[in-house]
Amino acid sequence: MNEGTLFATFVIVFRECVEAGLILGIILTMLSRLKQQYYYRHVIAGSVAGVGASVFAGVTLPGESSTSNAHSPHYR
């Protein structure tokens, strides 16, 4: 992977993290204004589960794609 690809990937991941943070902030603010703080733990648990699933997929899937591409005639 060259430096340009790494930087582009970093920018995309950073932007998505900022967007996810904004959405979480909006949800938690609305729960607070509706006096429904009980649901905070559900929102946080769902967020942690989503991050965990993303990390699992990120660790698992690159190995799968590299083994399937090894037999492709376009892979060199």
N, C-alpha and C. Protein backbone atom coordinates (compact mmCIF):
# COMPACT_ATOMS: atom_id res chain seq x y z
N MET A 1 0.85 -1.17 0.00
CA MET A 1 0.00 0.00 0.00
C MET A 1 0.90 1.24 0.00
N ASN A 2 0.65 2.17 -0.90
CA ASN A 2 1.48 3.36 -0.94
C ASN A 2 0.94 4.43 0.01
N GLU A 3 1.71 5.52 0.16
CA GLU A 3 1.33 6.56 1.12
C GLU A 3 0.02 7.24 0.78
N GLY A 4 -0.26 7.43 -0.50
CA GLY A 4 -1.50 8.07 -0.92
C GLY A 4 -2.72 7.25 -0.53
N THR A 5 -2.61 5.95 -0.70
CA THR A 5 -3.72 5.07 -0.34
C THR A 5 -3.93 5.05 1.16
N LEU A 6 -2.85 5.02 1.92
CA LEU A 6 -2.96 5.04 3.38
C LEU A 6 -3.60 6.33 3.87
N PHE A 7 -3.18 7.45 3.30
CA PHE A 7 -3.74 8.74 3.72
C PHE A 7 -5.22 8.83 3.36
N ALA A 8 -5.59 8.37 2.17
CA ALA A 8 -7.00 8.41 1.76
C ALA A 8 -7.85 7.53 2.68
N THR A 9 -7.32 6.37 3.03
CA THR A 9 -8.04 5.48 3.95
C THR A 9 -8.19 6.13 5.31
N PHE A 10 -7.13 6.77 5.80
CA PHE A 10 -7.19 7.46 7.09
C PHE A 10 -8.25 8.55 7.07
N VAL A 11 -8.30 9.34 6.02
CA VAL A 11 -9.26 10.44 5.93
C VAL A 11 -10.69 9.91 5.93
N ILE A 12 -10.94 8.84 5.19
CA ILE A 12 -12.29 8.27 5.14
C ILE A 12 -12.69 7.72 6.50
N VAL A 13 -11.80 6.97 7.15
CA VAL A 13 -12.11 6.40 8.46
C VAL A 13 -12.32 7.51 9.49
N PHE A 14 -11.49 8.54 9.45
CA PHE A 14 -11.63 9.66 10.38
C PHE A 14 -12.98 10.35 10.19
N ARG A 15 -13.35 10.59 8.94
CA ARG A 15 -14.64 11.24 8.66
C ARG A 15 -15.80 10.41 9.16
N GLU A 16 -15.75 9.11 8.94
CA GLU A 16 -16.83 8.24 9.39
C GLU A 16 -16.92 8.20 10.91
N CYS A 17 -15.79 8.24 11.59
CA CYS A 17 -15.79 8.26 13.05
C CYS A 17 -16.40 9.56 13.59
N VAL A 18 -16.08 10.67 12.94
CA VAL A 18 -16.67 11.95 13.35
C VAL A 18 -18.18 11.92 13.15
N GLU A 19 -18.63 11.39 12.02
CA GLU A 19 -20.07 11.29 11.76
C GLU A 19 -20.76 10.40 12.79
N ALA A 20 -20.15 9.27 13.11
CA ALA A 20 -20.74 8.37 14.10
C ALA A 20 -20.81 9.06 15.46
N GLY A 21 -19.78 9.81 15.82
CA GLY A 21 -19.79 10.55 17.08
C GLY A 21 -20.90 11.59 17.12
N LEU A 22 -21.10 12.28 16.01
CA LEU A 22 -22.19 13.27 15.95
C LEU A 22 -23.55 12.60 16.11
N ILE A 23 -23.75 11.49 15.45
CA ILE A 23 -25.03 10.78 15.56
C ILE A 23 -25.26 10.30 16.98
N LEU A 24 -24.22 9.74 17.61
CA LEU A 24 -24.36 9.30 19.00
C LEU A 24 -24.67 10.48 19.91
N GLY A 25 -24.01 11.60 19.67
CA GLY A 25 -24.27 12.79 20.47
C GLY A 25 -25.70 13.27 20.33
N ILE A 26 -26.21 13.23 19.10
CA ILE A 26 -27.60 13.65 18.87
C ILE A 26 -28.56 12.71 19.58
N ILE A 27 -28.33 11.42 19.46
CA ILE A 27 -29.22 10.44 20.11
C ILE A 27 -29.20 10.61 21.62
N LEU A 28 -28.01 10.74 22.21
CA LEU A 28 -27.92 10.89 23.66
C LEU A 28 -28.51 12.21 24.13
N THR A 29 -28.37 13.26 23.34
CA THR A 29 -28.97 14.55 23.69
C THR A 29 -30.49 14.47 23.66
N MET A 30 -31.03 13.81 22.65
CA MET A 30 -32.49 13.67 22.57
C MET A 30 -33.01 12.81 23.72
N LEU A 31 -32.30 11.75 24.06
CA LEU A 31 -32.72 10.95 25.21
C LEU A 31 -32.69 11.77 26.50
N SER A 32 -31.69 12.62 26.62
CA SER A 32 -31.59 13.46 27.81
C SER A 32 -32.76 14.45 27.87
N ARG A 33 -33.06 15.08 26.75
CA ARG A 33 -34.15 16.05 26.73
C ARG A 33 -35.52 15.40 26.95
N LEU A 34 -35.64 14.16 26.55
CA LEU A 34 -36.89 13.43 26.77
C LEU A 34 -36.92 12.76 28.14
N LYS A 35 -35.88 12.98 28.92
CA LYS A 35 -35.75 12.40 30.27
C LYS A 35 -35.82 10.86 30.21
N GLN A 36 -35.10 10.31 29.24
CA GLN A 36 -35.06 8.85 29.06
C GLN A 36 -33.62 8.35 29.17
N GLN A 37 -32.91 8.80 30.20
CA GLN A 37 -31.52 8.41 30.38
C GLN A 37 -31.35 6.90 30.59
N TYR A 38 -32.42 6.23 30.91
CA TYR A 38 -32.38 4.78 31.09
C TYR A 38 -31.84 4.09 29.82
N TYR A 39 -32.12 4.66 28.66
CA TYR A 39 -31.73 4.04 27.40
C TYR A 39 -30.30 4.35 26.98
N TYR A 40 -29.59 5.16 27.75
CA TYR A 40 -28.18 5.45 27.46
C TYR A 40 -27.39 4.15 27.32
N ARG A 41 -27.59 3.24 28.27
CA ARG A 41 -26.79 2.01 28.26
C ARG A 41 -27.08 1.18 27.02
N HIS A 42 -28.31 1.24 26.50
CA HIS A 42 -28.62 0.50 25.28
C HIS A 42 -27.90 1.11 24.07
N VAL A 43 -27.86 2.43 24.03
CA VAL A 43 -27.18 3.11 22.93
C VAL A 43 -25.68 2.84 23.00
N ILE A 44 -25.10 2.93 24.18
CA ILE A 44 -23.67 2.67 24.34
C ILE A 44 -23.35 1.21 24.04
N ALA A 45 -24.18 0.28 24.53
CA ALA A 45 -23.95 -1.14 24.26
C ALA A 45 -24.03 -1.44 22.76
N GLY A 46 -24.97 -0.84 22.07
CA GLY A 46 -25.07 -1.02 20.63
C GLY A 46 -23.86 -0.46 19.89
N SER A 47 -23.36 0.67 20.38
CA SER A 47 -22.18 1.28 19.76
C SER A 47 -20.95 0.40 19.96
N VAL A 48 -20.80 -0.11 21.17
CA VAL A 48 -19.65 -0.98 21.46
C VAL A 48 -19.76 -2.27 20.63
N ALA A 49 -20.96 -2.81 20.51
CA ALA A 49 -21.15 -4.02 19.69
C ALA A 49 -20.82 -3.75 18.23
N GLY A 50 -21.20 -2.58 17.74
CA GLY A 50 -20.89 -2.22 16.35
C GLY A 50 -19.40 -2.08 16.12
N VAL A 51 -18.71 -1.45 17.05
CA VAL A 51 -17.25 -1.31 16.93
C VAL A 51 -16.59 -2.68 16.99
N GLY A 52 -17.07 -3.53 17.90
CA GLY A 52 -16.53 -4.88 18.01
C GLY A 52 -16.73 -5.68 16.73
N ALA A 53 -17.92 -5.59 16.14
CA ALA A 53 -18.19 -6.29 14.89
C ALA A 53 -17.32 -5.76 13.76
N SER A 54 -17.08 -4.46 13.74
CA SER A 54 -16.22 -3.87 12.71
C SER A 54 -14.78 -4.33 12.85
N VAL A 55 -14.30 -4.38 14.09
CA VAL A 55 -12.93 -4.85 14.32
C VAL A 55 -12.81 -6.32 13.92
N PHE A 56 -13.79 -7.12 14.31
CA PHE A 56 -13.78 -8.54 13.95
C PHE A 56 -13.77 -8.72 12.43
N ALA A 57 -14.62 -7.98 11.73
CA ALA A 57 -14.67 -8.07 10.27
C ALA A 57 -13.36 -7.58 9.65
N GLY A 58 -12.79 -6.52 10.22
CA GLY A 58 -11.54 -6.00 9.69
C GLY A 58 -10.38 -6.95 9.86
N VAL A 59 -10.40 -7.71 10.93
CA VAL A 59 -9.34 -8.68 11.18
C VAL A 59 -9.57 -9.95 10.35
N THR A 60 -10.81 -10.35 10.20
CA THR A 60 -11.13 -11.60 9.53
C THR A 60 -11.17 -11.50 8.01
N LEU A 61 -11.80 -10.48 7.47
CA LEU A 61 -12.05 -10.42 6.03
C LEU A 61 -10.81 -10.16 5.17
N PRO A 62 -9.84 -9.36 5.57
CA PRO A 62 -8.69 -9.19 4.69
C PRO A 62 -7.98 -10.51 4.37
N GLY A 63 -7.90 -11.41 5.31
CA GLY A 63 -7.30 -12.71 5.05
C GLY A 63 -8.11 -13.50 4.05
N GLU A 64 -9.42 -13.41 4.13
CA GLU A 64 -10.28 -14.12 3.20
C GLU A 64 -10.15 -13.58 1.79
N SER A 65 -10.09 -12.28 1.63
CA SER A 65 -10.01 -11.71 0.29
C SER A 65 -8.67 -11.98 -0.36
N SER A 66 -7.59 -12.00 0.42
CA SER A 66 -6.28 -12.24 -0.19
C SER A 66 -6.15 -13.68 -0.65
N THR A 67 -6.77 -14.62 0.04
CA THR A 67 -6.69 -16.01 -0.41
C THR A 67 -7.57 -16.25 -1.62
N SER A 68 -8.71 -15.55 -1.71
CA SER A 68 -9.58 -15.76 -2.87
C SER A 68 -9.00 -15.05 -4.10
N ASN A 69 -8.28 -13.95 -3.93
CA ASN A 69 -7.69 -13.24 -5.06
C ASN A 69 -6.45 -13.93 -5.60
N ALA A 70 -5.84 -14.80 -4.82
CA ALA A 70 -4.61 -15.46 -5.26
C ALA A 70 -4.85 -16.34 -6.47
N HIS A 71 -6.07 -16.82 -6.66
CA HIS A 71 -6.38 -17.70 -7.77
C HIS A 71 -6.97 -16.94 -8.96
N SER A 72 -7.10 -15.65 -8.83
CA SER A 72 -7.68 -14.84 -9.89
C SER A 72 -6.63 -14.60 -10.98
N PRO A 73 -7.02 -14.65 -12.26
CA PRO A 73 -6.04 -14.40 -13.33
C PRO A 73 -5.55 -12.94 -13.36
N HIS A 74 -6.29 -12.02 -12.72
CA HIS A 74 -5.92 -10.60 -12.73
C HIS A 74 -5.02 -10.25 -11.56
N TYR A 75 -4.79 -11.17 -10.67
CA TYR A 75 -3.97 -10.91 -9.47
C TYR A 75 -2.50 -11.16 -9.80
N ARG A 76 -1.68 -10.14 -9.67
CA ARG A 76 -0.23 -10.29 -9.90
C ARG A 76 0.53 -9.42 -8.95
